Amino acid sequence: MRKIVLDIRPDLKAAMEAVDKAQTDHKLAMANGSTDPTFGFDFGRNPPIDAYFRVSVNIPRRIFDKNQGEKLRTQRDIDRNQRLLDATQAQAFSDVDSAYATLSSHLILRQPQKTKYLQQAVRVRDSIGFFRQNGCASLLDFLNAESAYRTVQISYVNLIGSYLTAASQLNFAVGREVIP
């Protein structure tokens, strides 16, 4: 699911693009700060017979680089955007891990409720109903058994609801439907 998060979440994509832009800006600042040698040549003729040919190469030496501040600013911008990307990625992974843990805990809670307690409540209710019909149990016992059955049933329905909520939170954290 973490791989899906890296591919899908728009906040992570925006953070990655910000880092990319900062790196491009830094490359541009480095290119603007570099100097290029210039080559030149000249030829001519002075009458009557003097001719000349001249070749020159200029390599500027940068004593005061006015672009140093821009280079440093863009490098810091890269660092800042990288930290923001790391924080966004950590938050996204935390969201997914938390939603997955919640979903797993609801599955663990739901299993015994479904396999054990619901069946037990049905057996108790049916047994007390049988005893009530045969005159061996009071109406109060039957109503208590019915109430306990309804309580277990409501508890199970609430667990299903919280499971579905946890599944939708996981889908939201991932950025697409991974649990239908």
N, C-alpha and C. Protein backbone atom coordinates (compact mmCIF):
# COMPACT_ATOMS: atom_id res chain seq x y z
N MET A 1 0.81 -1.19 0.00
CA MET A 1 0.00 0.00 0.00
C MET A 1 0.86 1.26 0.00
N ARG A 2 2.04 1.16 0.60
CA ARG A 2 2.93 2.33 0.60
C ARG A 2 3.37 2.68 -0.81
N LYS A 3 3.60 1.67 -1.64
CA LYS A 3 4.00 1.92 -3.02
C LYS A 3 2.87 2.60 -3.78
N ILE A 4 1.65 2.18 -3.52
CA ILE A 4 0.49 2.81 -4.15
C ILE A 4 0.40 4.26 -3.72
N VAL A 5 0.66 4.52 -2.43
CA VAL A 5 0.62 5.89 -1.91
C VAL A 5 1.63 6.77 -2.64
N LEU A 6 2.83 6.24 -2.86
CA LEU A 6 3.86 7.02 -3.54
C LEU A 6 3.47 7.34 -4.98
N ASP A 7 2.71 6.45 -5.60
CA ASP A 7 2.32 6.65 -6.99
C ASP A 7 1.08 7.51 -7.16
N ILE A 8 0.20 7.54 -6.16
CA ILE A 8 -1.12 8.13 -6.36
C ILE A 8 -1.33 9.47 -5.66
N ARG A 9 -0.89 9.60 -4.42
CA ARG A 9 -1.28 10.77 -3.62
C ARG A 9 -0.82 12.08 -4.26
N PRO A 10 -1.75 13.01 -4.44
CA PRO A 10 -1.39 14.28 -5.10
C PRO A 10 -0.48 15.16 -4.25
N ASP A 11 -0.59 15.09 -2.92
CA ASP A 11 0.29 15.91 -2.09
C ASP A 11 1.75 15.46 -2.22
N LEU A 12 1.96 14.15 -2.35
CA LEU A 12 3.32 13.65 -2.56
C LEU A 12 3.84 14.02 -3.95
N LYS A 13 2.97 13.96 -4.95
CA LYS A 13 3.38 14.34 -6.30
C LYS A 13 3.78 15.82 -6.34
N ALA A 14 3.01 16.66 -5.65
CA ALA A 14 3.32 18.10 -5.62
C ALA A 14 4.65 18.35 -4.92
N ALA A 15 4.90 17.62 -3.83
CA ALA A 15 6.17 17.78 -3.11
C ALA A 15 7.35 17.31 -3.96
N MET A 16 7.17 16.22 -4.70
CA MET A 16 8.24 15.74 -5.58
C MET A 16 8.52 16.75 -6.70
N GLU A 17 7.46 17.33 -7.23
CA GLU A 17 7.64 18.33 -8.29
C GLU A 17 8.32 19.59 -7.75
N ALA A 18 8.05 19.95 -6.51
CA ALA A 18 8.71 21.12 -5.91
C ALA A 18 10.21 20.86 -5.76
N VAL A 19 10.59 19.65 -5.37
CA VAL A 19 12.01 19.30 -5.26
C VAL A 19 12.65 19.35 -6.65
N ASP A 20 11.94 18.81 -7.64
CA ASP A 20 12.45 18.84 -9.02
C ASP A 20 12.66 20.27 -9.51
N LYS A 21 11.71 21.14 -9.23
CA LYS A 21 11.83 22.54 -9.65
C LYS A 21 13.00 23.22 -8.94
N ALA A 22 13.16 22.95 -7.66
CA ALA A 22 14.27 23.55 -6.92
C ALA A 22 15.62 23.09 -7.49
N GLN A 23 15.72 21.83 -7.87
CA GLN A 23 16.97 21.34 -8.47
C GLN A 23 17.22 22.00 -9.82
N THR A 24 16.17 22.19 -10.59
CA THR A 24 16.32 22.87 -11.88
C THR A 24 16.75 24.32 -11.69
N ASP A 25 16.15 25.00 -10.71
CA ASP A 25 16.54 26.38 -10.41
C ASP A 25 18.00 26.47 -9.99
N HIS A 26 18.45 25.49 -9.23
CA HIS A 26 19.85 25.48 -8.79
C HIS A 26 20.79 25.28 -9.98
N LYS A 27 20.43 24.40 -10.88
CA LYS A 27 21.25 24.20 -12.09
C LYS A 27 21.31 25.47 -12.91
N LEU A 28 20.19 26.19 -12.99
CA LEU A 28 20.17 27.45 -13.73
C LEU A 28 21.05 28.50 -13.05
N ALA A 29 21.00 28.56 -11.72
CA ALA A 29 21.85 29.52 -11.00
C ALA A 29 23.32 29.18 -11.19
N MET A 30 23.65 27.91 -11.20
CA MET A 30 25.04 27.51 -11.44
C MET A 30 25.47 27.88 -12.86
N ALA A 31 24.58 27.68 -13.82
CA ALA A 31 24.90 28.02 -15.21
C ALA A 31 25.04 29.53 -15.38
N ASN A 32 24.19 30.30 -14.70
CA ASN A 32 24.28 31.76 -14.80
C ASN A 32 25.54 32.28 -14.12
N GLY A 33 26.07 31.54 -13.17
CA GLY A 33 27.27 31.97 -12.44
C GLY A 33 28.56 31.58 -13.11
N SER A 34 28.50 30.76 -14.14
CA SER A 34 29.75 30.35 -14.79
C SER A 34 30.14 31.35 -15.87
N THR A 35 31.40 31.37 -16.18
CA THR A 35 31.91 32.28 -17.21
C THR A 35 32.33 31.48 -18.43
N ASP A 36 32.18 32.08 -19.55
CA ASP A 36 32.53 31.42 -20.80
C ASP A 36 33.71 32.15 -21.43
N PRO A 37 34.68 31.40 -21.92
CA PRO A 37 35.78 32.07 -22.63
C PRO A 37 35.28 32.60 -23.97
N THR A 38 35.89 33.67 -24.41
CA THR A 38 35.53 34.23 -25.71
C THR A 38 36.74 34.16 -26.62
N PHE A 39 36.49 33.80 -27.84
CA PHE A 39 37.55 33.68 -28.84
C PHE A 39 37.34 34.76 -29.90
N GLY A 40 38.41 35.26 -30.39
CA GLY A 40 38.31 36.27 -31.43
C GLY A 40 39.47 36.18 -32.38
N PHE A 41 39.24 36.61 -33.56
CA PHE A 41 40.34 36.71 -34.52
C PHE A 41 40.04 37.88 -35.45
N ASP A 42 41.09 38.41 -35.97
CA ASP A 42 40.98 39.60 -36.82
C ASP A 42 42.11 39.55 -37.84
N PHE A 43 41.83 39.98 -38.99
CA PHE A 43 42.89 40.14 -39.98
C PHE A 43 42.59 41.39 -40.78
N GLY A 44 43.61 41.93 -41.30
CA GLY A 44 43.45 43.16 -42.05
C GLY A 44 44.70 43.47 -42.86
N ARG A 45 44.66 44.60 -43.52
CA ARG A 45 45.77 44.98 -44.39
C ARG A 45 45.94 46.49 -44.33
N ASN A 46 47.16 46.86 -44.12
CA ASN A 46 47.50 48.27 -44.17
C ASN A 46 48.23 48.51 -45.49
N PRO A 47 47.76 49.41 -46.26
CA PRO A 47 48.45 49.61 -47.55
C PRO A 47 49.86 50.13 -47.33
N PRO A 48 50.73 49.88 -48.09
CA PRO A 48 50.72 49.16 -49.34
C PRO A 48 50.92 47.65 -49.15
N ILE A 49 51.77 47.13 -48.26
CA ILE A 49 51.99 45.69 -48.21
C ILE A 49 51.83 45.10 -46.82
N ASP A 50 51.58 45.85 -45.84
CA ASP A 50 51.47 45.28 -44.48
C ASP A 50 50.11 44.58 -44.31
N ALA A 51 50.15 43.34 -43.92
CA ALA A 51 48.94 42.58 -43.58
C ALA A 51 49.14 42.00 -42.19
N TYR A 52 48.07 41.88 -41.49
CA TYR A 52 48.20 41.33 -40.15
C TYR A 52 47.09 40.31 -39.90
N PHE A 53 47.35 39.44 -38.95
CA PHE A 53 46.40 38.42 -38.51
C PHE A 53 46.52 38.34 -37.00
N ARG A 54 45.38 38.44 -36.30
CA ARG A 54 45.41 38.45 -34.85
C ARG A 54 44.39 37.44 -34.32
N VAL A 55 44.79 36.63 -33.31
CA VAL A 55 43.92 35.67 -32.63
C VAL A 55 43.95 36.01 -31.15
N SER A 56 42.75 36.01 -30.52
CA SER A 56 42.69 36.32 -29.08
C SER A 56 41.76 35.35 -28.35
N VAL A 57 42.12 35.08 -27.12
CA VAL A 57 41.29 34.26 -26.23
C VAL A 57 41.15 35.03 -24.93
N ASN A 58 39.92 35.29 -24.51
CA ASN A 58 39.66 35.96 -23.23
C ASN A 58 39.01 34.97 -22.28
N ILE A 59 39.61 34.78 -21.13
CA ILE A 59 39.04 33.95 -20.08
C ILE A 59 38.83 34.87 -18.88
N PRO A 60 37.59 35.26 -18.62
CA PRO A 60 37.36 36.18 -17.51
C PRO A 60 37.61 35.49 -16.17
N ARG A 61 38.21 36.20 -15.28
CA ARG A 61 38.41 35.70 -13.91
C ARG A 61 37.40 36.40 -13.03
N ARG A 62 36.70 35.62 -12.29
CA ARG A 62 35.65 36.17 -11.43
C ARG A 62 36.23 36.42 -10.05
N ILE A 63 36.40 37.65 -9.74
CA ILE A 63 36.90 38.01 -8.42
C ILE A 63 35.72 38.17 -7.47
N PHE A 64 34.71 38.86 -7.90
CA PHE A 64 33.49 39.03 -7.11
C PHE A 64 32.34 38.38 -7.88
N ASP A 65 31.91 37.24 -7.39
CA ASP A 65 30.81 36.52 -8.03
C ASP A 65 29.50 37.02 -7.45
N LYS A 66 28.78 37.82 -8.19
CA LYS A 66 27.52 38.38 -7.71
C LYS A 66 26.42 37.33 -7.67
N ASN A 67 26.63 36.18 -8.24
CA ASN A 67 25.62 35.13 -8.30
C ASN A 67 25.75 34.14 -7.14
N GLN A 68 26.68 34.32 -6.24
CA GLN A 68 26.88 33.37 -5.14
C GLN A 68 25.65 33.29 -4.25
N GLY A 69 25.00 34.41 -4.02
CA GLY A 69 23.79 34.40 -3.19
C GLY A 69 22.67 33.60 -3.81
N GLU A 70 22.51 33.70 -5.11
CA GLU A 70 21.47 32.94 -5.79
C GLU A 70 21.77 31.44 -5.76
N LYS A 71 23.04 31.11 -5.90
CA LYS A 71 23.44 29.69 -5.81
C LYS A 71 23.11 29.14 -4.43
N LEU A 72 23.43 29.88 -3.39
CA LEU A 72 23.17 29.43 -2.02
C LEU A 72 21.67 29.37 -1.75
N ARG A 73 20.93 30.37 -2.24
CA ARG A 73 19.48 30.38 -2.02
C ARG A 73 18.82 29.18 -2.68
N THR A 74 19.22 28.84 -3.89
CA THR A 74 18.62 27.70 -4.57
C THR A 74 19.02 26.38 -3.91
N GLN A 75 20.24 26.30 -3.38
CA GLN A 75 20.65 25.08 -2.66
C GLN A 75 19.82 24.92 -1.39
N ARG A 76 19.58 26.01 -0.70
CA ARG A 76 18.74 25.94 0.51
C ARG A 76 17.30 25.62 0.16
N ASP A 77 16.86 26.10 -0.97
CA ASP A 77 15.51 25.78 -1.42
C ASP A 77 15.38 24.29 -1.71
N ILE A 78 16.42 23.70 -2.28
CA ILE A 78 16.41 22.25 -2.50
C ILE A 78 16.31 21.52 -1.16
N ASP A 79 17.13 21.92 -0.20
CA ASP A 79 17.11 21.27 1.12
C ASP A 79 15.74 21.40 1.79
N ARG A 80 15.18 22.60 1.71
CA ARG A 80 13.87 22.85 2.33
C ARG A 80 12.79 22.00 1.68
N ASN A 81 12.75 21.97 0.36
CA ASN A 81 11.74 21.17 -0.34
C ASN A 81 11.94 19.68 -0.12
N GLN A 82 13.18 19.25 0.02
CA GLN A 82 13.44 17.84 0.31
C GLN A 82 12.91 17.47 1.70
N ARG A 83 13.10 18.36 2.66
CA ARG A 83 12.57 18.11 4.00
C ARG A 83 11.04 18.09 4.00
N LEU A 84 10.44 18.99 3.23
CA LEU A 84 8.98 19.00 3.12
C LEU A 84 8.48 17.72 2.46
N LEU A 85 9.20 17.23 1.46
CA LEU A 85 8.84 15.97 0.82
C LEU A 85 8.93 14.82 1.82
N ASP A 86 10.02 14.80 2.60
CA ASP A 86 10.17 13.74 3.61
C ASP A 86 9.05 13.80 4.64
N ALA A 87 8.68 15.01 5.07
CA ALA A 87 7.61 15.15 6.05
C ALA A 87 6.26 14.71 5.47
N THR A 88 6.00 15.08 4.23
CA THR A 88 4.75 14.69 3.58
C THR A 88 4.70 13.18 3.39
N GLN A 89 5.82 12.60 3.02
CA GLN A 89 5.88 11.16 2.84
C GLN A 89 5.68 10.43 4.17
N ALA A 90 6.30 10.94 5.21
CA ALA A 90 6.14 10.32 6.54
C ALA A 90 4.69 10.43 7.01
N GLN A 91 4.05 11.57 6.75
CA GLN A 91 2.64 11.74 7.13
C GLN A 91 1.74 10.78 6.35
N ALA A 92 2.01 10.63 5.06
CA ALA A 92 1.21 9.72 4.24
C ALA A 92 1.38 8.27 4.72
N PHE A 93 2.63 7.89 4.99
CA PHE A 93 2.85 6.52 5.49
C PHE A 93 2.21 6.33 6.85
N SER A 94 2.25 7.34 7.69
CA SER A 94 1.62 7.26 9.00
C SER A 94 0.11 7.10 8.86
N ASP A 95 -0.49 7.85 7.94
CA ASP A 95 -1.94 7.72 7.70
C ASP A 95 -2.30 6.30 7.27
N VAL A 96 -1.51 5.76 6.35
CA VAL A 96 -1.80 4.42 5.84
C VAL A 96 -1.59 3.37 6.94
N ASP A 97 -0.49 3.49 7.68
CA ASP A 97 -0.21 2.52 8.74
C ASP A 97 -1.28 2.57 9.83
N SER A 98 -1.70 3.76 10.20
CA SER A 98 -2.73 3.91 11.23
C SER A 98 -4.06 3.33 10.77
N ALA A 99 -4.44 3.64 9.54
CA ALA A 99 -5.70 3.11 9.01
C ALA A 99 -5.64 1.59 8.88
N TYR A 100 -4.49 1.06 8.49
CA TYR A 100 -4.36 -0.40 8.37
C TYR A 100 -4.43 -1.08 9.73
N ALA A 101 -3.79 -0.46 10.72
CA ALA A 101 -3.84 -1.04 12.08
C ALA A 101 -5.26 -1.01 12.63
N THR A 102 -5.99 0.07 12.36
CA THR A 102 -7.38 0.16 12.81
C THR A 102 -8.23 -0.90 12.13
N LEU A 103 -8.03 -1.07 10.83
CA LEU A 103 -8.78 -2.08 10.09
C LEU A 103 -8.47 -3.48 10.62
N SER A 104 -7.21 -3.77 10.88
CA SER A 104 -6.83 -5.08 11.41
C SER A 104 -7.44 -5.34 12.78
N SER A 105 -7.42 -4.32 13.63
CA SER A 105 -8.00 -4.51 14.97
C SER A 105 -9.50 -4.76 14.90
N HIS A 106 -10.19 -4.10 13.96
CA HIS A 106 -11.63 -4.35 13.82
C HIS A 106 -11.90 -5.74 13.28
N LEU A 107 -11.03 -6.24 12.41
CA LEU A 107 -11.18 -7.61 11.94
C LEU A 107 -11.00 -8.61 13.07
N ILE A 108 -10.01 -8.34 13.92
CA ILE A 108 -9.74 -9.23 15.06
C ILE A 108 -10.91 -9.21 16.03
N LEU A 109 -11.49 -8.04 16.27
CA LEU A 109 -12.63 -7.94 17.18
C LEU A 109 -13.89 -8.56 16.60
N ARG A 110 -14.06 -8.48 15.31
CA ARG A 110 -15.28 -8.96 14.67
C ARG A 110 -15.33 -10.48 14.59
N GLN A 111 -14.18 -11.12 14.45
CA GLN A 111 -14.16 -12.57 14.25
C GLN A 111 -14.81 -13.36 15.40
N PRO A 112 -14.38 -13.16 16.67
CA PRO A 112 -15.05 -13.94 17.73
C PRO A 112 -16.51 -13.54 17.91
N GLN A 113 -16.83 -12.30 17.63
CA GLN A 113 -18.22 -11.86 17.75
C GLN A 113 -19.08 -12.65 16.77
N LYS A 114 -18.57 -12.83 15.56
CA LYS A 114 -19.33 -13.51 14.52
C LYS A 114 -19.41 -15.02 14.77
N THR A 115 -18.27 -15.63 15.11
CA THR A 115 -18.23 -17.10 15.22
C THR A 115 -18.71 -17.62 16.56
N LYS A 116 -18.55 -16.85 17.62
CA LYS A 116 -18.84 -17.39 18.95
C LYS A 116 -20.05 -16.73 19.61
N TYR A 117 -20.00 -15.43 19.80
CA TYR A 117 -21.00 -14.76 20.64
C TYR A 117 -22.38 -14.69 20.00
N LEU A 118 -22.45 -14.48 18.70
CA LEU A 118 -23.76 -14.46 18.05
C LEU A 118 -24.44 -15.83 18.14
N GLN A 119 -23.68 -16.87 17.88
CA GLN A 119 -24.25 -18.22 17.95
C GLN A 119 -24.65 -18.57 19.38
N GLN A 120 -23.83 -18.16 20.33
CA GLN A 120 -24.16 -18.42 21.73
C GLN A 120 -25.43 -17.69 22.15
N ALA A 121 -25.58 -16.45 21.74
CA ALA A 121 -26.77 -15.67 22.09
C ALA A 121 -28.02 -16.28 21.46
N VAL A 122 -27.92 -16.79 20.24
CA VAL A 122 -29.06 -17.44 19.58
C VAL A 122 -29.44 -18.71 20.33
N ARG A 123 -28.44 -19.51 20.73
CA ARG A 123 -28.72 -20.75 21.48
C ARG A 123 -29.40 -20.45 22.82
N VAL A 124 -28.91 -19.45 23.53
CA VAL A 124 -29.49 -19.10 24.83
C VAL A 124 -30.92 -18.61 24.64
N ARG A 125 -31.12 -17.73 23.67
CA ARG A 125 -32.48 -17.22 23.42
C ARG A 125 -33.44 -18.33 23.03
N ASP A 126 -32.99 -19.24 22.16
CA ASP A 126 -33.86 -20.34 21.74
C ASP A 126 -34.14 -21.30 22.90
N SER A 127 -33.13 -21.56 23.73
CA SER A 127 -33.33 -22.45 24.88
C SER A 127 -34.32 -21.85 25.87
N ILE A 128 -34.15 -20.59 26.18
CA ILE A 128 -35.07 -19.93 27.13
C ILE A 128 -36.46 -19.85 26.52
N GLY A 129 -36.56 -19.64 25.21
CA GLY A 129 -37.87 -19.63 24.54
C GLY A 129 -38.54 -20.98 24.63
N PHE A 130 -37.76 -22.05 24.45
CA PHE A 130 -38.31 -23.41 24.57
C PHE A 130 -38.79 -23.67 26.00
N PHE A 131 -37.96 -23.28 26.98
CA PHE A 131 -38.36 -23.47 28.39
C PHE A 131 -39.59 -22.63 28.72
N ARG A 132 -39.68 -21.45 28.14
CA ARG A 132 -40.83 -20.57 28.40
C ARG A 132 -42.09 -21.20 27.84
N GLN A 133 -42.02 -21.81 26.66
CA GLN A 133 -43.19 -22.44 26.06
C GLN A 133 -43.64 -23.65 26.87
N ASN A 134 -42.68 -24.32 27.49
CA ASN A 134 -43.02 -25.50 28.29
C ASN A 134 -43.29 -25.17 29.75
N GLY A 135 -43.25 -23.91 30.09
CA GLY A 135 -43.60 -23.49 31.43
C GLY A 135 -42.47 -23.61 32.44
N CYS A 136 -41.23 -23.81 32.02
CA CYS A 136 -40.11 -23.96 32.95
C CYS A 136 -39.36 -22.66 33.19
N ALA A 137 -39.66 -21.60 32.43
CA ALA A 137 -38.95 -20.33 32.59
C ALA A 137 -39.98 -19.21 32.63
N SER A 138 -39.63 -18.17 33.33
CA SER A 138 -40.56 -17.04 33.47
C SER A 138 -40.44 -16.11 32.26
N LEU A 139 -41.40 -15.23 32.16
CA LEU A 139 -41.39 -14.23 31.10
C LEU A 139 -40.19 -13.30 31.24
N LEU A 140 -39.83 -13.01 32.48
CA LEU A 140 -38.68 -12.15 32.74
C LEU A 140 -37.39 -12.79 32.23
N ASP A 141 -37.22 -14.10 32.42
CA ASP A 141 -36.04 -14.79 31.90
C ASP A 141 -36.00 -14.73 30.37
N PHE A 142 -37.15 -14.93 29.75
CA PHE A 142 -37.22 -14.87 28.29
C PHE A 142 -36.88 -13.47 27.77
N LEU A 143 -37.41 -12.45 28.44
CA LEU A 143 -37.12 -11.07 28.01
C LEU A 143 -35.66 -10.71 28.22
N ASN A 144 -35.06 -11.21 29.30
CA ASN A 144 -33.63 -10.98 29.51
C ASN A 144 -32.78 -11.66 28.43
N ALA A 145 -33.15 -12.87 28.06
CA ALA A 145 -32.42 -13.58 27.00
C ALA A 145 -32.58 -12.85 25.66
N GLU A 146 -33.80 -12.38 25.39
CA GLU A 146 -34.05 -11.62 24.16
C GLU A 146 -33.24 -10.32 24.15
N SER A 147 -33.17 -9.66 25.29
CA SER A 147 -32.40 -8.41 25.40
C SER A 147 -30.90 -8.67 25.20
N ALA A 148 -30.40 -9.75 25.78
CA ALA A 148 -28.99 -10.09 25.61
C ALA A 148 -28.70 -10.42 24.14
N TYR A 149 -29.62 -11.12 23.49
CA TYR A 149 -29.45 -11.43 22.07
C TYR A 149 -29.40 -10.15 21.25
N ARG A 150 -30.32 -9.24 21.52
CA ARG A 150 -30.35 -7.96 20.78
C ARG A 150 -29.08 -7.15 21.04
N THR A 151 -28.57 -7.18 22.26
CA THR A 151 -27.35 -6.44 22.59
C THR A 151 -26.16 -7.00 21.81
N VAL A 152 -26.04 -8.31 21.75
CA VAL A 152 -24.95 -8.94 21.00
C VAL A 152 -25.10 -8.63 19.51
N GLN A 153 -26.31 -8.66 19.02
CA GLN A 153 -26.55 -8.37 17.62
C GLN A 153 -26.21 -6.90 17.28
N ILE A 154 -26.60 -5.99 18.15
CA ILE A 154 -26.27 -4.57 17.94
C ILE A 154 -24.76 -4.36 18.01
N SER A 155 -24.13 -5.03 18.93
CA SER A 155 -22.67 -4.93 19.05
C SER A 155 -21.99 -5.42 17.77
N TYR A 156 -22.49 -6.50 17.20
CA TYR A 156 -21.92 -7.02 15.96
C TYR A 156 -22.14 -6.05 14.80
N VAL A 157 -23.33 -5.48 14.71
CA VAL A 157 -23.62 -4.52 13.65
C VAL A 157 -22.73 -3.28 13.81
N ASN A 158 -22.51 -2.84 15.05
CA ASN A 158 -21.61 -1.70 15.29
C ASN A 158 -20.18 -2.03 14.87
N LEU A 159 -19.74 -3.26 15.12
CA LEU A 159 -18.40 -3.67 14.69
C LEU A 159 -18.29 -3.69 13.17
N ILE A 160 -19.33 -4.12 12.50
CA ILE A 160 -19.32 -4.09 11.03
C ILE A 160 -19.25 -2.64 10.54
N GLY A 161 -20.01 -1.76 11.18
CA GLY A 161 -19.98 -0.35 10.80
C GLY A 161 -18.61 0.27 11.02
N SER A 162 -17.98 -0.04 12.15
CA SER A 162 -16.65 0.51 12.41
C SER A 162 -15.61 -0.11 11.48
N TYR A 163 -15.80 -1.37 11.09
CA TYR A 163 -14.91 -1.99 10.10
C TYR A 163 -15.02 -1.27 8.76
N LEU A 164 -16.24 -0.99 8.33
CA LEU A 164 -16.44 -0.30 7.05
C LEU A 164 -15.88 1.12 7.11
N THR A 165 -16.01 1.77 8.25
CA THR A 165 -15.42 3.10 8.42
C THR A 165 -13.90 3.03 8.32
N ALA A 166 -13.31 2.05 8.97
CA ALA A 166 -11.86 1.87 8.91
C ALA A 166 -11.41 1.55 7.48
N ALA A 167 -12.19 0.76 6.76
CA ALA A 167 -11.86 0.45 5.38
C ALA A 167 -11.91 1.70 4.51
N SER A 168 -12.91 2.55 4.73
CA SER A 168 -12.97 3.79 3.94
C SER A 168 -11.84 4.74 4.32
N GLN A 169 -11.43 4.74 5.59
CA GLN A 169 -10.29 5.57 5.98
C GLN A 169 -9.00 5.07 5.33
N LEU A 170 -8.85 3.77 5.24
CA LEU A 170 -7.68 3.21 4.55
C LEU A 170 -7.70 3.57 3.07
N ASN A 171 -8.87 3.46 2.44
CA ASN A 171 -8.99 3.83 1.03
C ASN A 171 -8.65 5.32 0.84
N PHE A 172 -9.11 6.15 1.76
CA PHE A 172 -8.83 7.59 1.68
C PHE A 172 -7.34 7.86 1.88
N ALA A 173 -6.71 7.16 2.82
CA ALA A 173 -5.29 7.37 3.09
C ALA A 173 -4.43 6.93 1.91
N VAL A 174 -4.83 5.86 1.25
CA VAL A 174 -4.06 5.37 0.11
C VAL A 174 -4.31 6.26 -1.11
N GLY A 175 -5.53 6.72 -1.26
CA GLY A 175 -5.83 7.60 -2.39
C GLY A 175 -6.64 6.92 -3.47
N ARG A 176 -6.96 5.66 -3.27
CA ARG A 176 -7.84 4.93 -4.18
C ARG A 176 -8.45 3.77 -3.41
N GLU A 177 -9.41 3.08 -4.02
CA GLU A 177 -10.10 2.01 -3.33
C GLU A 177 -9.24 0.73 -3.37
N VAL A 178 -8.72 0.35 -2.22
CA VAL A 178 -7.95 -0.89 -2.11
C VAL A 178 -8.74 -1.95 -1.37
N ILE A 179 -9.71 -1.54 -0.56
CA ILE A 179 -10.60 -2.47 0.14
C ILE A 179 -12.02 -2.12 -0.31
N PRO A 180 -12.63 -2.98 -1.10
CA PRO A 180 -13.99 -2.67 -1.60
C PRO A 180 -15.04 -2.78 -0.51
